[in-house]
């Protein structure tokens, strides 16, 4: 529910080595990601153009297409993947 600015941890006992470290790093990740997304939402609201389509694109996790080099500057692609899903 990071898109709504909510982070919560469900207290489940999982007896897997390293589970505490994994949960801690995920918490740190989401504590960064919530302000990141809210900053993008605010930026798109101020632009005013095509807010709805940009907002839906962020929620879907679309990867932009186009050239990787833009005027000699590398445009990084961030691909959302859930690596620890079972």
Protein backbone atom coordinates (compact mmCIF):
# COMPACT_ATOMS: atom_id res chain seq x y z
CA UNK A 1 0.00 0.00 0.00
CA UNK A 2 3.00 2.21 -0.56
CA UNK A 3 1.12 4.18 -3.19
CA UNK A 4 -1.22 5.38 -0.42
CA UNK A 5 1.67 6.22 1.91
CA UNK A 6 1.02 3.34 4.30
CA UNK A 7 3.67 0.92 5.52
CA UNK A 8 2.79 -1.88 7.90
CA UNK A 9 4.46 -5.09 9.00
CA UNK A 10 2.40 -8.16 9.81
CA UNK A 11 3.92 -9.91 12.83
CA UNK A 12 4.34 -13.47 11.56
CA UNK A 13 6.86 -15.92 12.90
CA UNK A 14 8.87 -17.32 10.00
CA UNK A 15 11.72 -19.63 10.93
CA UNK A 16 13.97 -18.90 7.96
CA UNK A 17 17.58 -17.86 8.54
CA UNK A 18 18.02 -14.17 7.76
CA UNK A 19 14.31 -13.32 7.95
CA UNK A 20 14.90 -10.43 10.37
CA UNK A 21 17.54 -8.93 8.07
CA UNK A 22 15.26 -9.32 5.07
CA UNK A 23 12.35 -7.66 6.87
CA UNK A 24 14.57 -4.80 8.09
CA UNK A 25 15.95 -4.09 4.61
CA UNK A 26 12.44 -4.21 3.12
CA UNK A 27 11.28 -1.72 5.74
CA UNK A 28 14.16 0.62 4.87
CA UNK A 29 13.35 0.20 1.18
CA UNK A 30 9.71 1.17 1.67
CA UNK A 31 10.61 4.09 3.95
CA UNK A 32 12.52 5.47 0.96
CA UNK A 33 9.98 4.47 -1.67
CA UNK A 34 6.95 6.20 -0.13
CA UNK A 35 8.51 9.70 -0.24
CA UNK A 36 9.87 8.91 -3.72
CA UNK A 37 6.42 8.10 -5.10
CA UNK A 38 4.73 11.00 -3.32
CA UNK A 39 7.33 13.32 -4.87
CA UNK A 40 6.51 11.94 -8.31
CA UNK A 41 2.78 12.36 -7.71
CA UNK A 42 3.29 15.98 -6.65
CA UNK A 43 5.50 16.66 -9.67
CA UNK A 44 2.90 15.21 -12.04
CA UNK A 45 0.12 17.21 -10.35
CA UNK A 46 2.06 20.46 -10.81
CA UNK A 47 2.74 19.72 -14.47
CA UNK A 48 -1.00 19.43 -15.05
CA UNK A 49 -0.64 17.65 -18.39
CA UNK A 50 -1.81 14.05 -18.64
CA UNK A 51 -1.84 13.50 -14.86
CA UNK A 52 -4.31 10.61 -15.06
CA UNK A 53 -2.33 8.62 -17.60
CA UNK A 54 0.96 9.24 -15.78
CA UNK A 55 -0.58 8.27 -12.43
CA UNK A 56 -1.95 5.01 -13.86
CA UNK A 57 1.41 4.30 -15.46
CA UNK A 58 3.17 4.67 -12.09
CA UNK A 59 0.69 2.36 -10.38
CA UNK A 60 1.11 -0.28 -13.10
CA UNK A 61 4.90 -0.02 -13.00
CA UNK A 62 5.30 0.67 -16.71
CA UNK A 63 8.84 0.82 -18.06
CA UNK A 64 9.31 3.78 -20.43
CA UNK A 65 10.32 3.07 -23.98
CA UNK A 66 12.57 5.14 -26.14
CA UNK A 67 16.28 5.71 -26.53
CA UNK A 68 18.58 4.81 -23.64
CA UNK A 69 20.83 7.74 -24.55
CA UNK A 70 19.19 11.15 -24.56
CA UNK A 71 21.61 13.84 -25.70
CA UNK A 72 24.59 11.94 -24.33
CA UNK A 73 22.89 11.34 -20.96
CA UNK A 74 22.01 7.76 -20.00
CA UNK A 75 18.30 7.33 -19.18
CA UNK A 76 18.09 4.55 -16.59
CA UNK A 77 15.26 2.03 -16.74
CA UNK A 78 13.82 0.84 -13.44
CA UNK A 79 11.98 -2.45 -13.81
CA UNK A 80 9.80 -3.44 -10.88
CA UNK A 81 10.14 -7.09 -9.95
CA UNK A 82 9.14 -8.96 -6.83
CA UNK A 83 12.13 -11.20 -6.32
CA UNK A 84 11.20 -12.76 -2.98
CA UNK A 85 7.67 -13.84 -3.92
CA UNK A 86 6.89 -17.51 -3.53
